[in-house]
């Protein structure tokens, strides 16, 4: 029974990351917030995946014809490792759902990348942004290789010259800092454990804020960058390339917060929120949850291995 408790704990401990996913943007530089939240997400998702795998082992160990050693279904093992048919069936179903979600995410990512590359395939391979003759306003960073910025003539027509510079600097920041990797990592983490979805949304916002700050530094004017984000959001065409972060998502919420942040002071460069702020205890809670997840998963794996080894030779 103790083994089952340790196996289930990492599946619910990601809830400890919810407070910091909401507060990190207020007390951390978006660069630090992105890295911190991604670290929490990957660690917790890894522990959840390990525990799901161990639950799958428990769920299939006593099923005839399973690929595990036959001796694992001996009566000695049944006595030492409590087996519940419901737990076994649920664990197998959860593993199937997780693997399916991960496969769909990766396949969707490949489809979007292929579609984006086809859009710029006929353009000359040269330095600078790929300008597509399209009246629909959009702009995005296309990762892969050295990466490339894609922008439509419709978007450029709606921006002033200094705002265009902010747009290009924003997208270049996405490429330079490999923001697509943070987004993919946290999206896969959310596939493993749905409790990590708020954390993925927080990372998606933090990467945009990170690029905003880089753009503001490149053009030397935070107000110009804020104006470019706001104006692009008013005219941006939603859904031109699903799955690729656009310069300004027209959905309400993130854009007003980004503009407000750009009109405020430059965020602090600290890597951890101050202890006296609400984000300080929230970060400690997430760190404690991550540590507890790791210890629980390790404890469960070790205990299960030792029990099975004591009950029967592997």
C-alpha atoms as a PDB file:
ATOM      1  CA  UNK A   1       0.000   0.000   0.000  1.00  0.00           C
ATOM      2  CA  UNK A   2       2.865   2.380   0.770  1.00  0.00           C
ATOM      3  CA  UNK A   3       4.201   1.810  -2.736  1.00  0.00           C
ATOM      4  CA  UNK A   4       0.862   2.839  -4.224  1.00  0.00           C
ATOM      5  CA  UNK A   5       0.839   6.025  -2.151  1.00  0.00           C
ATOM      6  CA  UNK A   6       4.284   7.005  -3.435  1.00  0.00           C
ATOM      7  CA  UNK A   7       3.185   6.198  -6.989  1.00  0.00           C
ATOM      8  CA  UNK A   8       0.116   8.424  -6.834  1.00  0.00           C
ATOM      9  CA  UNK A   9       1.743  11.407  -5.101  1.00  0.00           C
ATOM     10  CA  UNK A  10       3.722  12.664  -8.154  1.00  0.00           C
ATOM     11  CA  UNK A  11       0.496  12.619 -10.170  1.00  0.00           C
ATOM     12  CA  UNK A  12      -1.118  15.282  -7.955  1.00  0.00           C
ATOM     13  CA  UNK A  13       1.910  17.235  -6.698  1.00  0.00           C
ATOM     14  CA  UNK A  14       2.046  19.373  -9.897  1.00  0.00           C
ATOM     15  CA  UNK A  15      -0.828  21.279  -8.310  1.00  0.00           C
ATOM     16  CA  UNK A  16       1.827  22.902  -6.108  1.00  0.00           C
ATOM     17  CA  UNK A  17       3.098  24.760  -9.203  1.00  0.00           C
ATOM     18  CA  UNK A  18      -0.200  26.570  -9.823  1.00  0.00           C
ATOM     19  CA  UNK A  19       0.525  29.572  -7.547  1.00  0.00           C
ATOM     20  CA  UNK A  20       3.965  30.283  -9.051  1.00  0.00           C
ATOM     21  CA  UNK A  21       2.611  29.917 -12.595  1.00  0.00           C
ATOM     22  CA  UNK A  22       0.280  32.836 -11.824  1.00  0.00           C
ATOM     23  CA  UNK A  23       2.704  34.984  -9.834  1.00  0.00           C
ATOM     24  CA  UNK A  24       6.050  34.514 -11.617  1.00  0.00           C
ATOM     25  CA  UNK A  25       5.334  37.199 -14.228  1.00  0.00           C
ATOM     26  CA  UNK A  26       4.789  39.809 -11.523  1.00  0.00           C
ATOM     27  CA  UNK A  27       8.060  39.349  -9.652  1.00  0.00           C
ATOM     28  CA  UNK A  28      10.553  37.867 -12.134  1.00  0.00           C
ATOM     29  CA  UNK A  29      12.121  38.851 -15.397  1.00  0.00           C
ATOM     30  CA  UNK A  30      10.302  36.873 -18.108  1.00  0.00           C
ATOM     31  CA  UNK A  31      13.580  35.143 -18.983  1.00  0.00           C
ATOM     32  CA  UNK A  32      13.913  33.829 -15.427  1.00  0.00           C
ATOM     33  CA  UNK A  33      10.208  32.977 -15.256  1.00  0.00           C
ATOM     34  CA  UNK A  34      10.416  30.945 -18.466  1.00  0.00           C
ATOM     35  CA  UNK A  35      13.402  28.941 -17.282  1.00  0.00           C
ATOM     36  CA  UNK A  36      12.096  28.420 -13.757  1.00  0.00           C
ATOM     37  CA  UNK A  37       8.628  27.288 -14.835  1.00  0.00           C
ATOM     38  CA  UNK A  38      10.024  25.038 -17.558  1.00  0.00           C
ATOM     39  CA  UNK A  39      12.340  23.403 -15.031  1.00  0.00           C
ATOM     40  CA  UNK A  40       9.475  22.741 -12.642  1.00  0.00           C
ATOM     41  CA  UNK A  41       7.331  21.387 -15.457  1.00  0.00           C
ATOM     42  CA  UNK A  42       9.927  19.012 -16.865  1.00  0.00           C
ATOM     43  CA  UNK A  43      10.856  17.644 -13.448  1.00  0.00           C
ATOM     44  CA  UNK A  44       7.260  17.046 -12.422  1.00  0.00           C
ATOM     45  CA  UNK A  45       6.324  15.572 -15.788  1.00  0.00           C
ATOM     46  CA  UNK A  46       9.282  13.190 -15.618  1.00  0.00           C
ATOM     47  CA  UNK A  47       8.219  11.983 -12.169  1.00  0.00           C
ATOM     48  CA  UNK A  48       4.621  11.581 -13.359  1.00  0.00           C
ATOM     49  CA  UNK A  49       5.733   9.579 -16.388  1.00  0.00           C
ATOM     50  CA  UNK A  50       7.893   7.302 -14.232  1.00  0.00           C
ATOM     51  CA  UNK A  51       5.041   6.653 -11.811  1.00  0.00           C
ATOM     52  CA  UNK A  52       2.598   5.986 -14.642  1.00  0.00           C
ATOM     53  CA  UNK A  53       5.069   3.469 -16.018  1.00  0.00           C
ATOM     54  CA  UNK A  54       5.424   1.783 -12.635  1.00  0.00           C
ATOM     55  CA  UNK A  55       1.647   1.680 -12.259  1.00  0.00           C
ATOM     56  CA  UNK A  56       1.544   0.047 -15.668  1.00  0.00           C
ATOM     57  CA  UNK A  57       3.994  -2.566 -14.428  1.00  0.00           C
ATOM     58  CA  UNK A  58       1.793  -3.260 -11.410  1.00  0.00           C
ATOM     59  CA  UNK A  59      -1.246  -3.355 -13.631  1.00  0.00           C
ATOM     60  CA  UNK A  60       0.165  -5.911 -16.056  1.00  0.00           C
ATOM     61  CA  UNK A  61       2.464  -7.992 -13.857  1.00  0.00           C
ATOM     62  CA  UNK A  62      -0.225 -10.583 -13.116  1.00  0.00           C
ATOM     63  CA  UNK A  63      -1.866 -10.693 -16.524  1.00  0.00           C
ATOM     64  CA  UNK A  64      -1.056 -13.938 -18.392  1.00  0.00           C
ATOM     65  CA  UNK A  65       1.036 -13.364 -21.479  1.00  0.00           C
ATOM     66  CA  UNK A  66       2.522 -10.063 -20.316  1.00  0.00           C
ATOM     67  CA  UNK A  67       6.072  -9.284 -21.467  1.00  0.00           C
ATOM     68  CA  UNK A  68       7.382  -9.224 -17.877  1.00  0.00           C
ATOM     69  CA  UNK A  69       9.147 -12.209 -16.275  1.00  0.00           C
ATOM     70  CA  UNK A  70       6.676 -15.021 -15.526  1.00  0.00           C
ATOM     71  CA  UNK A  71       7.846 -15.242 -11.938  1.00  0.00           C
ATOM     72  CA  UNK A  72       6.456 -11.743 -11.252  1.00  0.00           C
ATOM     73  CA  UNK A  73       2.952 -13.264 -11.137  1.00  0.00           C
ATOM     74  CA  UNK A  74       3.871 -15.825  -8.469  1.00  0.00           C
ATOM     75  CA  UNK A  75       1.736 -15.934  -5.298  1.00  0.00           C
ATOM     76  CA  UNK A  76       4.672 -14.502  -3.306  1.00  0.00           C
ATOM     77  CA  UNK A  77       4.601 -11.363  -5.414  1.00  0.00           C
ATOM     78  CA  UNK A  78       0.814 -11.087  -5.082  1.00  0.00           C
ATOM     79  CA  UNK A  79       1.160 -11.198  -1.319  1.00  0.00           C
ATOM     80  CA  UNK A  80       3.963  -8.620  -1.126  1.00  0.00           C
ATOM     81  CA  UNK A  81       2.670  -6.188  -3.768  1.00  0.00           C
ATOM     82  CA  UNK A  82      -1.057  -5.436  -3.404  1.00  0.00           C
ATOM     83  CA  UNK A  83      -2.722  -5.611  -6.790  1.00  0.00           C
ATOM     84  CA  UNK A  84      -6.011  -3.916  -7.679  1.00  0.00           C
ATOM     85  CA  UNK A  85      -7.693  -4.678 -10.964  1.00  0.00           C
ATOM     86  CA  UNK A  86      -9.161  -1.174 -11.124  1.00  0.00           C
ATOM     87  CA  UNK A  87      -5.767   0.472 -10.543  1.00  0.00           C
ATOM     88  CA  UNK A  88      -4.146  -1.705 -13.191  1.00  0.00           C
ATOM     89  CA  UNK A  89      -6.821  -1.004 -15.785  1.00  0.00           C
ATOM     90  CA  UNK A  90      -6.789   2.737 -15.067  1.00  0.00           C
ATOM     91  CA  UNK A  91      -2.992   2.929 -15.264  1.00  0.00           C
ATOM     92  CA  UNK A  92      -2.909   1.201 -18.631  1.00  0.00           C
ATOM     93  CA  UNK A  93      -5.638   3.501 -19.952  1.00  0.00           C
ATOM     94  CA  UNK A  94      -3.786   6.574 -18.656  1.00  0.00           C
ATOM     95  CA  UNK A  95      -0.548   5.444 -20.276  1.00  0.00           C
ATOM     96  CA  UNK A  96      -2.344   4.994 -23.593  1.00  0.00           C
ATOM     97  CA  UNK A  97      -3.881   8.471 -23.340  1.00  0.00           C
ATOM     98  CA  UNK A  98      -0.517  10.054 -22.466  1.00  0.00           C
ATOM     99  CA  UNK A  99       1.302   8.325 -25.331  1.00  0.00           C
ATOM    100  CA  UNK A 100      -1.463   9.328 -27.734  1.00  0.00           C
ATOM    101  CA  UNK A 101      -1.360  12.958 -26.602  1.00  0.00           C
ATOM    102  CA  UNK A 102       2.427  13.098 -26.930  1.00  0.00           C
ATOM    103  CA  UNK A 103       2.278  11.544 -30.403  1.00  0.00           C
ATOM    104  CA  UNK A 104      -0.417  13.995 -31.551  1.00  0.00           C
ATOM    105  CA  UNK A 105       1.549  16.949 -30.210  1.00  0.00           C
ATOM    106  CA  UNK A 106       4.747  15.920 -31.963  1.00  0.00           C
ATOM    107  CA  UNK A 107       2.921  15.106 -35.202  1.00  0.00           C
ATOM    108  CA  UNK A 108       1.133  18.463 -35.109  1.00  0.00           C
ATOM    109  CA  UNK A 109       4.423  20.219 -34.525  1.00  0.00           C
ATOM    110  CA  UNK A 110       5.941  18.521 -37.579  1.00  0.00           C
ATOM    111  CA  UNK A 111       2.921  19.387 -39.742  1.00  0.00           C
ATOM    112  CA  UNK A 112       3.044  23.055 -38.743  1.00  0.00           C
ATOM    113  CA  UNK A 113       6.796  23.222 -39.404  1.00  0.00           C
ATOM    114  CA  UNK A 114       6.378  21.597 -42.814  1.00  0.00           C
ATOM    115  CA  UNK A 115       3.562  23.976 -43.721  1.00  0.00           C
ATOM    116  CA  UNK A 116       5.616  26.987 -42.643  1.00  0.00           C
ATOM    117  CA  UNK A 117       8.609  25.878 -44.682  1.00  0.00           C
ATOM    118  CA  UNK A 118       6.484  25.341 -47.766  1.00  0.00           C
ATOM    119  CA  UNK A 119       5.253  28.925 -47.424  1.00  0.00           C
ATOM    120  CA  UNK A 120       8.804  30.292 -47.760  1.00  0.00           C
ATOM    121  CA  UNK A 121      10.239  27.610 -50.034  1.00  0.00           C
ATOM    122  CA  UNK A 122       9.963  29.748 -53.183  1.00  0.00           C
ATOM    123  CA  UNK A 123      11.585  32.800 -51.600  1.00  0.00           C
ATOM    124  CA  UNK A 124      15.321  33.400 -52.039  1.00  0.00           C
ATOM    125  CA  UNK A 125      17.478  32.031 -49.208  1.00  0.00           C
ATOM    126  CA  UNK A 126      19.046  35.218 -47.960  1.00  0.00           C
ATOM    127  CA  UNK A 127      19.620  36.987 -44.687  1.00  0.00           C
ATOM    128  CA  UNK A 128      16.748  38.994 -43.324  1.00  0.00           C
ATOM    129  CA  UNK A 129      13.044  38.295 -42.921  1.00  0.00           C
ATOM    130  CA  UNK A 130      11.000  36.341 -45.447  1.00  0.00           C
ATOM    131  CA  UNK A 131       8.334  38.771 -46.650  1.00  0.00           C
ATOM    132  CA  UNK A 132       5.273  36.958 -48.006  1.00  0.00           C
ATOM    133  CA  UNK A 133       2.978  38.819 -50.437  1.00  0.00           C
ATOM    134  CA  UNK A 134      -0.154  38.367 -48.368  1.00  0.00           C
ATOM    135  CA  UNK A 135      -2.721  40.976 -47.351  1.00  0.00           C
ATOM    136  CA  UNK A 136      -3.465  39.102 -44.119  1.00  0.00           C
ATOM    137  CA  UNK A 137      -1.417  40.648 -41.273  1.00  0.00           C
ATOM    138  CA  UNK A 138       0.814  38.162 -39.439  1.00  0.00           C
ATOM    139  CA  UNK A 139       4.397  37.592 -38.379  1.00  0.00           C
ATOM    140  CA  UNK A 140       6.115  34.623 -36.758  1.00  0.00           C
ATOM    141  CA  UNK A 141       9.508  33.064 -36.132  1.00  0.00           C
ATOM    142  CA  UNK A 142      10.204  29.844 -38.051  1.00  0.00           C
ATOM    143  CA  UNK A 143      12.704  27.703 -36.089  1.00  0.00           C
ATOM    144  CA  UNK A 144      14.969  25.075 -37.553  1.00  0.00           C
ATOM    145  CA  UNK A 145      18.518  25.430 -38.806  1.00  0.00           C
ATOM    146  CA  UNK A 146      19.476  29.066 -38.443  1.00  0.00           C
ATOM    147  CA  UNK A 147      15.793  30.013 -38.238  1.00  0.00           C
ATOM    148  CA  UNK A 148      13.948  32.625 -40.192  1.00  0.00           C
ATOM    149  CA  UNK A 149      11.486  35.429 -39.570  1.00  0.00           C
ATOM    150  CA  UNK A 150       8.326  35.333 -41.665  1.00  0.00           C
ATOM    151  CA  UNK A 151       6.199  38.445 -42.044  1.00  0.00           C
ATOM    152  CA  UNK A 152       3.407  39.348 -44.439  1.00  0.00           C
ATOM    153  CA  UNK A 153       3.169  42.516 -46.463  1.00  0.00           C
ATOM    154  CA  UNK A 154      -0.193  43.056 -44.797  1.00  0.00           C
ATOM    155  CA  UNK A 155       1.455  43.266 -41.369  1.00  0.00           C
ATOM    156  CA  UNK A 156       4.230  45.590 -42.556  1.00  0.00           C
ATOM    157  CA  UNK A 157       1.676  47.923 -44.124  1.00  0.00           C
ATOM    158  CA  UNK A 158       0.005  48.509 -40.760  1.00  0.00           C
ATOM    159  CA  UNK A 159       3.198  49.375 -38.855  1.00  0.00           C
ATOM    160  CA  UNK A 160       5.409  52.435 -38.856  1.00  0.00           C
ATOM    161  CA  UNK A 161       9.116  52.042 -39.540  1.00  0.00           C
ATOM    162  CA  UNK A 162      10.168  52.031 -35.888  1.00  0.00           C
ATOM    163  CA  UNK A 163       7.357  49.562 -35.079  1.00  0.00           C
ATOM    164  CA  UNK A 164       8.606  47.257 -37.830  1.00  0.00           C
ATOM    165  CA  UNK A 165      12.021  47.268 -36.175  1.00  0.00           C
ATOM    166  CA  UNK A 166      10.388  46.240 -32.891  1.00  0.00           C
ATOM    167  CA  UNK A 167       8.497  43.453 -34.636  1.00  0.00           C
ATOM    168  CA  UNK A 168      11.639  42.036 -36.253  1.00  0.00           C
ATOM    169  CA  UNK A 169      13.618  42.301 -33.007  1.00  0.00           C
ATOM    170  CA  UNK A 170      10.808  40.467 -31.189  1.00  0.00           C
ATOM    171  CA  UNK A 171      10.804  37.578 -33.650  1.00  0.00           C
ATOM    172  CA  UNK A 172      14.613  37.454 -33.705  1.00  0.00           C
ATOM    173  CA  UNK A 173      14.555  37.052 -29.929  1.00  0.00           C
ATOM    174  CA  UNK A 174      12.323  33.996 -30.335  1.00  0.00           C
ATOM    175  CA  UNK A 175      14.894  32.470 -32.677  1.00  0.00           C
ATOM    176  CA  UNK A 176      17.988  33.485 -30.730  1.00  0.00           C
ATOM    177  CA  UNK A 177      16.751  32.119 -27.409  1.00  0.00           C
ATOM    178  CA  UNK A 178      15.061  29.022 -28.871  1.00  0.00           C
ATOM    179  CA  UNK A 179      11.712  29.812 -27.317  1.00  0.00           C
ATOM    180  CA  UNK A 180      10.065  27.028 -29.326  1.00  0.00           C
ATOM    181  CA  UNK A 181      11.960  24.504 -27.215  1.00  0.00           C
ATOM    182  CA  UNK A 182      10.503  25.845 -23.978  1.00  0.00           C
ATOM    183  CA  UNK A 183       7.031  25.805 -25.495  1.00  0.00           C
ATOM    184  CA  UNK A 184       7.365  22.255 -26.815  1.00  0.00           C
ATOM    185  CA  UNK A 185       8.845  20.976 -23.546  1.00  0.00           C
ATOM    186  CA  UNK A 186       6.044  22.398 -21.422  1.00  0.00           C
ATOM    187  CA  UNK A 187       3.377  21.304 -23.897  1.00  0.00           C
ATOM    188  CA  UNK A 188       4.673  17.731 -23.716  1.00  0.00           C
ATOM    189  CA  UNK A 189       4.798  18.025 -19.927  1.00  0.00           C
ATOM    190  CA  UNK A 190       1.130  19.035 -19.978  1.00  0.00           C
ATOM    191  CA  UNK A 191       0.385  15.976 -22.120  1.00  0.00           C
ATOM    192  CA  UNK A 192       1.927  13.772 -19.436  1.00  0.00           C
ATOM    193  CA  UNK A 193       0.064  15.460 -16.581  1.00  0.00           C
ATOM    194  CA  UNK A 194      -2.927  17.770 -17.267  1.00  0.00           C
ATOM    195  CA  UNK A 195      -2.281  19.586 -13.981  1.00  0.00           C
ATOM    196  CA  UNK A 196       0.715  21.190 -15.746  1.00  0.00           C
ATOM    197  CA  UNK A 197      -1.403  22.949 -18.392  1.00  0.00           C
ATOM    198  CA  UNK A 198      -1.538  26.270 -16.477  1.00  0.00           C
ATOM    199  CA  UNK A 199       2.237  26.156 -16.272  1.00  0.00           C
ATOM    200  CA  UNK A 200       2.483  25.735 -20.056  1.00  0.00           C
ATOM    201  CA  UNK A 201       0.210  28.738 -20.577  1.00  0.00           C
ATOM    202  CA  UNK A 202       2.385  30.763 -18.202  1.00  0.00           C
ATOM    203  CA  UNK A 203       5.516  29.791 -20.148  1.00  0.00           C
ATOM    204  CA  UNK A 204       3.841  30.741 -23.439  1.00  0.00           C
ATOM    205  CA  UNK A 205       3.125  34.193 -22.023  1.00  0.00           C
ATOM    206  CA  UNK A 206       6.610  34.527 -20.490  1.00  0.00           C
ATOM    207  CA  UNK A 207       8.329  33.770 -23.789  1.00  0.00           C
ATOM    208  CA  UNK A 208       6.328  36.544 -25.448  1.00  0.00           C
ATOM    209  CA  UNK A 209       7.251  38.925 -22.641  1.00  0.00           C
ATOM    210  CA  UNK A 210      10.890  37.841 -22.929  1.00  0.00           C
ATOM    211  CA  UNK A 211      10.844  38.670 -26.644  1.00  0.00           C
ATOM    212  CA  UNK A 212       9.095  41.977 -25.890  1.00  0.00           C
ATOM    213  CA  UNK A 213      11.874  42.976 -23.491  1.00  0.00           C
ATOM    214  CA  UNK A 214      14.538  42.007 -26.027  1.00  0.00           C
ATOM    215  CA  UNK A 215      12.772  44.056 -28.688  1.00  0.00           C
ATOM    216  CA  UNK A 216      12.474  47.057 -26.372  1.00  0.00           C
ATOM    217  CA  UNK A 217      16.194  46.875 -25.671  1.00  0.00           C
ATOM    218  CA  UNK A 218      17.031  46.547 -29.372  1.00  0.00           C
ATOM    219  CA  UNK A 219      14.996  49.588 -30.488  1.00  0.00           C
ATOM    220  CA  UNK A 220      15.764  51.542 -27.328  1.00  0.00           C
ATOM    221  CA  UNK A 221      12.172  52.544 -26.684  1.00  0.00           C
ATOM    222  CA  UNK A 222       9.674  50.591 -24.590  1.00  0.00           C
ATOM    223  CA  UNK A 223       6.751  52.736 -25.694  1.00  0.00           C
ATOM    224  CA  UNK A 224       7.454  52.053 -29.365  1.00  0.00           C
ATOM    225  CA  UNK A 225       7.501  48.328 -28.675  1.00  0.00           C
ATOM    226  CA  UNK A 226       4.260  48.572 -26.701  1.00  0.00           C
ATOM    227  CA  UNK A 227       2.657  50.492 -29.543  1.00  0.00           C
ATOM    228  CA  UNK A 228       3.809  47.898 -32.073  1.00  0.00           C
ATOM    229  CA  UNK A 229       2.366  45.042 -29.993  1.00  0.00           C
ATOM    230  CA  UNK A 230      -0.951  46.830 -29.545  1.00  0.00           C
ATOM    231  CA  UNK A 231      -1.286  47.864 -33.182  1.00  0.00           C
ATOM    232  CA  UNK A 232      -0.358  44.413 -34.462  1.00  0.00           C
ATOM    233  CA  UNK A 233      -2.924  42.830 -32.141  1.00  0.00           C
ATOM    234  CA  UNK A 234      -5.667  45.039 -33.582  1.00  0.00           C
ATOM    235  CA  UNK A 235      -5.039  43.887 -37.126  1.00  0.00           C
ATOM    236  CA  UNK A 236      -3.495  40.422 -36.658  1.00  0.00           C
ATOM    237  CA  UNK A 237      -5.103  37.561 -38.526  1.00  0.00           C
ATOM    238  CA  UNK A 238      -5.783  34.713 -36.122  1.00  0.00           C
ATOM    239  CA  UNK A 239      -5.084  31.123 -37.082  1.00  0.00           C
ATOM    240  CA  UNK A 240      -2.905  31.729 -40.159  1.00  0.00           C
ATOM    241  CA  UNK A 241      -0.452  29.136 -38.873  1.00  0.00           C
ATOM    242  CA  UNK A 242      -1.782  27.350 -35.763  1.00  0.00           C
ATOM    243  CA  UNK A 243       0.906  26.231 -33.343  1.00  0.00           C
ATOM    244  CA  UNK A 244       3.435  28.944 -34.224  1.00  0.00           C
ATOM    245  CA  UNK A 245       3.628  31.950 -31.915  1.00  0.00           C
ATOM    246  CA  UNK A 246       2.584  35.093 -33.735  1.00  0.00           C
ATOM    247  CA  UNK A 247       3.885  38.583 -32.953  1.00  0.00           C
ATOM    248  CA  UNK A 248       0.571  39.641 -31.421  1.00  0.00           C
ATOM    249  CA  UNK A 249      -2.176  37.153 -30.679  1.00  0.00           C
ATOM    250  CA  UNK A 250      -5.508  38.949 -31.105  1.00  0.00           C
ATOM    251  CA  UNK A 251      -7.043  36.930 -28.255  1.00  0.00           C
ATOM    252  CA  UNK A 252      -7.909  39.195 -25.306  1.00  0.00           C
ATOM    253  CA  UNK A 253      -5.880  39.038 -22.118  1.00  0.00           C
ATOM    254  CA  UNK A 254      -2.184  38.512 -22.860  1.00  0.00           C
ATOM    255  CA  UNK A 255      -1.773  41.507 -25.197  1.00  0.00           C
ATOM    256  CA  UNK A 256      -3.127  44.106 -22.718  1.00  0.00           C
ATOM    257  CA  UNK A 257      -0.880  42.618 -20.025  1.00  0.00           C
ATOM    258  CA  UNK A 258       2.131  42.752 -22.345  1.00  0.00           C
ATOM    259  CA  UNK A 259       1.448  46.353 -23.276  1.00  0.00           C
ATOM    260  CA  UNK A 260       1.004  47.328 -19.624  1.00  0.00           C
ATOM    261  CA  UNK A 261       4.287  45.613 -18.724  1.00  0.00           C
ATOM    262  CA  UNK A 262       6.134  47.447 -21.506  1.00  0.00           C
ATOM    263  CA  UNK A 263       4.760  50.774 -20.307  1.00  0.00           C
ATOM    264  CA  UNK A 264       6.060  50.016 -16.821  1.00  0.00           C
ATOM    265  CA  UNK A 265       9.634  49.826 -15.534  1.00  0.00           C
ATOM    266  CA  UNK A 266      12.201  47.320 -16.762  1.00  0.00           C
ATOM    267  CA  UNK A 267      11.712  44.072 -14.813  1.00  0.00           C
ATOM    268  CA  UNK A 268      14.363  42.992 -12.352  1.00  0.00           C
ATOM    269  CA  UNK A 269      16.930  40.499 -13.553  1.00  0.00           C
ATOM    270  CA  UNK A 270      16.667  38.306 -10.442  1.00  0.00           C
ATOM    271  CA  UNK A 271      16.514  34.556 -11.037  1.00  0.00           C
ATOM    272  CA  UNK A 272      14.353  33.810  -7.971  1.00  0.00           C
ATOM    273  CA  UNK A 273      11.441  35.870  -6.620  1.00  0.00           C
ATOM    274  CA  UNK A 274      12.091  37.807  -3.406  1.00  0.00           C
ATOM    275  CA  UNK A 275      11.048  36.015  -0.241  1.00  0.00           C
ATOM    276  CA  UNK A 276       8.899  38.954   0.934  1.00  0.00           C
ATOM    277  CA  UNK A 277       6.769  38.881  -2.228  1.00  0.00           C
ATOM    278  CA  UNK A 278       3.795  36.527  -2.767  1.00  0.00           C
ATOM    279  CA  UNK A 279       5.824  34.760  -5.467  1.00  0.00           C
ATOM    280  CA  UNK A 280       8.559  33.830  -2.970  1.00  0.00           C
ATOM    281  CA  UNK A 281       6.483  31.329  -0.952  1.00  0.00           C
ATOM    282  CA  UNK A 282       4.821  30.192  -4.198  1.00  0.00           C
ATOM    283  CA  UNK A 283       8.218  29.337  -5.693  1.00  0.00           C
ATOM    284  CA  UNK A 284       9.207  27.517  -2.491  1.00  0.00           C
ATOM    285  CA  UNK A 285       5.949  25.548  -2.621  1.00  0.00           C
ATOM    286  CA  UNK A 286       6.620  24.526  -6.229  1.00  0.00           C
ATOM    287  CA  UNK A 287      10.211  23.597  -5.379  1.00  0.00           C
ATOM    288  CA  UNK A 288       9.001  21.515  -2.438  1.00  0.00           C
ATOM    289  CA  UNK A 289       6.423  19.828  -4.667  1.00  0.00           C
ATOM    290  CA  UNK A 290       9.079  19.065  -7.261  1.00  0.00           C
ATOM    291  CA  UNK A 291      11.421  17.612  -4.632  1.00  0.00           C
ATOM    292  CA  UNK A 292       8.609  15.559  -3.115  1.00  0.00           C
ATOM    293  CA  UNK A 293       7.683  14.255  -6.572  1.00  0.00           C
ATOM    294  CA  UNK A 294      11.259  13.188  -7.252  1.00  0.00           C
ATOM    295  CA  UNK A 295      11.645  11.525  -3.851  1.00  0.00           C
ATOM    296  CA  UNK A 296       8.292   9.757  -4.136  1.00  0.00           C
ATOM    297  CA  UNK A 297       9.026   8.439  -7.623  1.00  0.00           C
ATOM    298  CA  UNK A 298      12.498   7.281  -6.611  1.00  0.00           C
ATOM    299  CA  UNK A 299      11.180   5.709  -3.409  1.00  0.00           C
ATOM    300  CA  UNK A 300       8.409   3.881  -5.262  1.00  0.00           C
ATOM    301  CA  UNK A 301      10.740   2.602  -7.960  1.00  0.00           C
ATOM    302  CA  UNK A 302      13.314   1.415  -5.428  1.00  0.00           C
ATOM    303  CA  UNK A 303      10.710  -0.179  -3.148  1.00  0.00           C
ATOM    304  CA  UNK A 304       9.040  -1.993  -6.038  1.00  0.00           C
ATOM    305  CA  UNK A 305      12.362  -3.274  -7.333  1.00  0.00           C
ATOM    306  CA  UNK A 306      13.470  -4.480  -3.913  1.00  0.00           C
ATOM    307  CA  UNK A 307      10.119  -6.201  -3.237  1.00  0.00           C
ATOM    308  CA  UNK A 308      10.123  -7.997  -6.555  1.00  0.00           C
ATOM    309  CA  UNK A 309      13.770  -8.972  -6.185  1.00  0.00           C
ATOM    310  CA  UNK A 310      13.135 -10.323  -2.674  1.00  0.00           C
ATOM    311  CA  UNK A 311      10.056 -12.225  -3.769  1.00  0.00           C
ATOM    312  CA  UNK A 312      11.567 -13.847  -6.817  1.00  0.00           C
ATOM    313  CA  UNK A 313      14.811 -13.676  -8.792  1.00  0.00           C
ATOM    314  CA  UNK A 314      14.579 -11.382 -11.809  1.00  0.00           C
END
